[in-house]
Amino acid sequence: MPIYEFRCKNCKKVFEVLFRSRDENLKIFCPGCRSEKTEKIFSVFGSKMEKGMSSSDVPPCAATCKQFS
């Protein structure tokens, strides 16, 4: 079940919505002001790194994603 992030164009609140499937078509309302004027935004994710590591020590996604194919 995918979770998508949205931003309200009216009050600027950012919120998440859980969909049962990628094809589900829900009418999205802002939980803050109940406006229908919302937009899907790109989610930012984090990753835990061990102490002493830098971002250059982390392999690119292409290298790590192959192990899950």
N, C-alpha and C. Protein backbone atom coordinates (compact mmCIF):
# COMPACT_ATOMS: atom_id res chain seq x y z
N MET A 1 0.84 -1.18 0.00
CA MET A 1 0.00 0.00 0.00
C MET A 1 0.88 1.24 0.00
N PRO A 2 0.80 2.02 -1.05
CA PRO A 2 1.66 3.22 -1.13
C PRO A 2 1.14 4.36 -0.25
N ILE A 3 2.09 5.12 0.26
CA ILE A 3 1.79 6.34 1.01
C ILE A 3 2.33 7.51 0.19
N TYR A 4 1.47 8.49 -0.07
CA TYR A 4 1.87 9.65 -0.84
C TYR A 4 1.78 10.90 0.03
N GLU A 5 2.68 11.86 -0.23
CA GLU A 5 2.65 13.13 0.47
C GLU A 5 1.97 14.18 -0.40
N PHE A 6 1.21 15.03 0.26
CA PHE A 6 0.49 16.11 -0.41
C PHE A 6 0.74 17.42 0.31
N ARG A 7 0.59 18.52 -0.42
CA ARG A 7 0.67 19.86 0.17
C ARG A 7 -0.62 20.59 -0.19
N CYS A 8 -1.19 21.25 0.81
CA CYS A 8 -2.40 22.04 0.58
C CYS A 8 -1.99 23.37 -0.05
N LYS A 9 -2.62 23.72 -1.16
CA LYS A 9 -2.31 24.99 -1.82
C LYS A 9 -2.93 26.17 -1.06
N ASN A 10 -3.87 25.88 -0.18
CA ASN A 10 -4.54 26.93 0.57
C ASN A 10 -3.76 27.30 1.85
N CYS A 11 -3.50 26.31 2.72
CA CYS A 11 -2.83 26.61 4.00
C CYS A 11 -1.38 26.13 4.07
N LYS A 12 -0.89 25.45 3.01
CA LYS A 12 0.50 24.97 2.88
C LYS A 12 0.84 23.79 3.79
N LYS A 13 -0.14 23.19 4.45
CA LYS A 13 0.11 22.03 5.30
C LYS A 13 0.55 20.85 4.44
N VAL A 14 1.55 20.09 4.91
CA VAL A 14 2.02 18.89 4.24
C VAL A 14 1.48 17.70 5.03
N PHE A 15 0.91 16.71 4.31
CA PHE A 15 0.31 15.56 4.97
C PHE A 15 0.44 14.33 4.09
N GLU A 16 0.25 13.16 4.69
CA GLU A 16 0.36 11.89 3.98
C GLU A 16 -1.01 11.24 3.84
N VAL A 17 -1.17 10.48 2.74
CA VAL A 17 -2.41 9.73 2.50
C VAL A 17 -2.02 8.31 2.12
N LEU A 18 -2.62 7.33 2.78
CA LEU A 18 -2.39 5.92 2.48
C LEU A 18 -3.39 5.46 1.44
N PHE A 19 -2.92 4.89 0.35
CA PHE A 19 -3.78 4.35 -0.70
C PHE A 19 -3.77 2.83 -0.60
N ARG A 20 -4.89 2.20 -0.89
CA ARG A 20 -4.97 0.73 -0.87
C ARG A 20 -4.26 0.13 -2.07
N SER A 21 -4.22 0.87 -3.18
CA SER A 21 -3.51 0.42 -4.38
C SER A 21 -3.05 1.65 -5.15
N ARG A 22 -2.14 1.43 -6.09
CA ARG A 22 -1.64 2.55 -6.90
C ARG A 22 -2.72 3.12 -7.81
N ASP A 23 -3.70 2.30 -8.15
CA ASP A 23 -4.76 2.72 -9.07
C ASP A 23 -5.94 3.39 -8.37
N GLU A 24 -5.92 3.39 -7.04
CA GLU A 24 -7.03 4.00 -6.29
C GLU A 24 -7.10 5.49 -6.58
N ASN A 25 -8.29 5.99 -6.80
CA ASN A 25 -8.49 7.40 -7.13
C ASN A 25 -9.33 8.04 -6.02
N LEU A 26 -8.66 8.65 -5.05
CA LEU A 26 -9.35 9.28 -3.92
C LEU A 26 -9.45 10.78 -4.11
N LYS A 27 -10.50 11.36 -3.59
CA LYS A 27 -10.61 12.81 -3.53
C LYS A 27 -9.87 13.23 -2.26
N ILE A 28 -8.83 14.04 -2.41
CA ILE A 28 -7.96 14.40 -1.29
C ILE A 28 -8.38 15.73 -0.70
N PHE A 29 -8.56 15.73 0.62
CA PHE A 29 -8.88 16.96 1.35
C PHE A 29 -7.78 17.23 2.35
N CYS A 30 -7.43 18.50 2.56
CA CYS A 30 -6.45 18.89 3.56
C CYS A 30 -7.02 18.62 4.95
N PRO A 31 -6.26 17.95 5.82
CA PRO A 31 -6.76 17.70 7.17
C PRO A 31 -6.77 18.97 8.03
N GLY A 32 -6.08 20.02 7.59
CA GLY A 32 -6.04 21.26 8.35
C GLY A 32 -7.21 22.19 8.06
N CYS A 33 -7.42 22.49 6.77
CA CYS A 33 -8.45 23.47 6.41
C CYS A 33 -9.58 22.86 5.57
N ARG A 34 -9.48 21.55 5.25
CA ARG A 34 -10.49 20.82 4.47
C ARG A 34 -10.60 21.26 3.02
N SER A 35 -9.60 21.97 2.53
CA SER A 35 -9.59 22.41 1.14
C SER A 35 -9.33 21.22 0.21
N GLU A 36 -9.90 21.26 -0.99
CA GLU A 36 -9.63 20.26 -2.02
C GLU A 36 -8.44 20.65 -2.88
N LYS A 37 -7.91 21.84 -2.69
CA LYS A 37 -6.80 22.33 -3.51
C LYS A 37 -5.48 21.78 -2.95
N THR A 38 -5.16 20.56 -3.36
CA THR A 38 -3.96 19.89 -2.89
C THR A 38 -3.12 19.46 -4.08
N GLU A 39 -1.84 19.23 -3.83
CA GLU A 39 -0.94 18.74 -4.87
C GLU A 39 -0.04 17.66 -4.30
N LYS A 40 0.22 16.62 -5.10
CA LYS A 40 1.13 15.56 -4.69
C LYS A 40 2.55 16.11 -4.77
N ILE A 41 3.35 15.82 -3.76
CA ILE A 41 4.73 16.30 -3.75
C ILE A 41 5.68 15.11 -3.66
N PHE A 42 6.93 15.32 -4.00
CA PHE A 42 7.94 14.29 -3.89
C PHE A 42 8.31 14.10 -2.43
N SER A 43 8.32 12.88 -1.99
CA SER A 43 8.68 12.56 -0.61
C SER A 43 10.19 12.54 -0.46
N VAL A 44 10.64 12.94 0.69
CA VAL A 44 12.06 12.89 1.03
C VAL A 44 12.22 11.77 2.05
N PHE A 45 13.23 10.95 1.86
CA PHE A 45 13.43 9.87 2.80
C PHE A 45 14.83 9.97 3.39
N GLY A 46 15.02 9.35 4.51
CA GLY A 46 16.31 9.38 5.18
C GLY A 46 16.90 7.99 5.26
N SER A 47 18.15 7.95 5.57
CA SER A 47 18.85 6.69 5.72
C SER A 47 19.81 6.81 6.89
N LYS A 48 19.87 5.78 7.69
CA LYS A 48 20.77 5.79 8.84
C LYS A 48 22.18 5.42 8.38
N MET A 49 23.14 6.23 8.77
CA MET A 49 24.54 5.95 8.44
C MET A 49 25.29 5.73 9.74
N GLU A 50 26.29 4.89 9.69
CA GLU A 50 27.10 4.63 10.87
C GLU A 50 27.99 5.82 11.15
N LYS A 51 28.37 5.96 12.41
CA LYS A 51 29.24 7.05 12.82
C LYS A 51 30.55 7.00 12.03
N GLY A 52 30.95 8.14 11.52
CA GLY A 52 32.19 8.22 10.76
C GLY A 52 32.01 8.08 9.26
N MET A 53 30.80 7.73 8.83
CA MET A 53 30.54 7.58 7.39
C MET A 53 30.18 8.94 6.79
N SER A 54 30.48 9.11 5.53
CA SER A 54 30.04 10.30 4.81
C SER A 54 29.14 9.85 3.67
N SER A 55 28.45 10.78 3.05
CA SER A 55 27.54 10.40 1.96
C SER A 55 28.27 9.76 0.79
N SER A 56 29.56 10.03 0.64
CA SER A 56 30.31 9.41 -0.46
C SER A 56 30.61 7.94 -0.18
N ASP A 57 30.43 7.49 1.08
CA ASP A 57 30.63 6.08 1.42
C ASP A 57 29.42 5.22 1.08
N VAL A 58 28.28 5.84 0.82
CA VAL A 58 27.05 5.13 0.55
C VAL A 58 26.97 4.85 -0.94
N PRO A 59 26.76 3.58 -1.35
CA PRO A 59 26.70 3.27 -2.78
C PRO A 59 25.46 3.86 -3.42
N PRO A 60 25.52 4.17 -4.71
CA PRO A 60 24.34 4.71 -5.40
C PRO A 60 23.23 3.67 -5.46
N CYS A 61 22.02 4.11 -5.66
CA CYS A 61 20.86 3.21 -5.68
C CYS A 61 21.01 2.11 -6.72
N ALA A 62 21.54 2.42 -7.86
CA ALA A 62 21.69 1.42 -8.93
C ALA A 62 22.49 0.22 -8.44
N ALA A 63 23.48 0.47 -7.61
CA ALA A 63 24.31 -0.62 -7.11
C ALA A 63 23.58 -1.43 -6.05
N THR A 64 22.85 -0.77 -5.17
CA THR A 64 22.17 -1.48 -4.09
C THR A 64 20.85 -2.09 -4.52
N CYS A 65 20.19 -1.53 -5.51
CA CYS A 65 18.89 -2.03 -5.95
C CYS A 65 19.00 -3.36 -6.69
N LYS A 66 20.14 -3.64 -7.29
CA LYS A 66 20.32 -4.88 -8.04
C LYS A 66 20.18 -6.12 -7.14
N GLN A 67 20.56 -5.97 -5.88
CA GLN A 67 20.47 -7.13 -4.98
C GLN A 67 19.03 -7.52 -4.69
N PHE A 68 18.08 -6.63 -4.95
CA PHE A 68 16.68 -6.93 -4.69
C PHE A 68 15.93 -7.33 -5.94
N SER A 69 16.61 -7.37 -7.09
CA SER A 69 15.95 -7.73 -8.35
C SER A 69 15.77 -9.23 -8.46
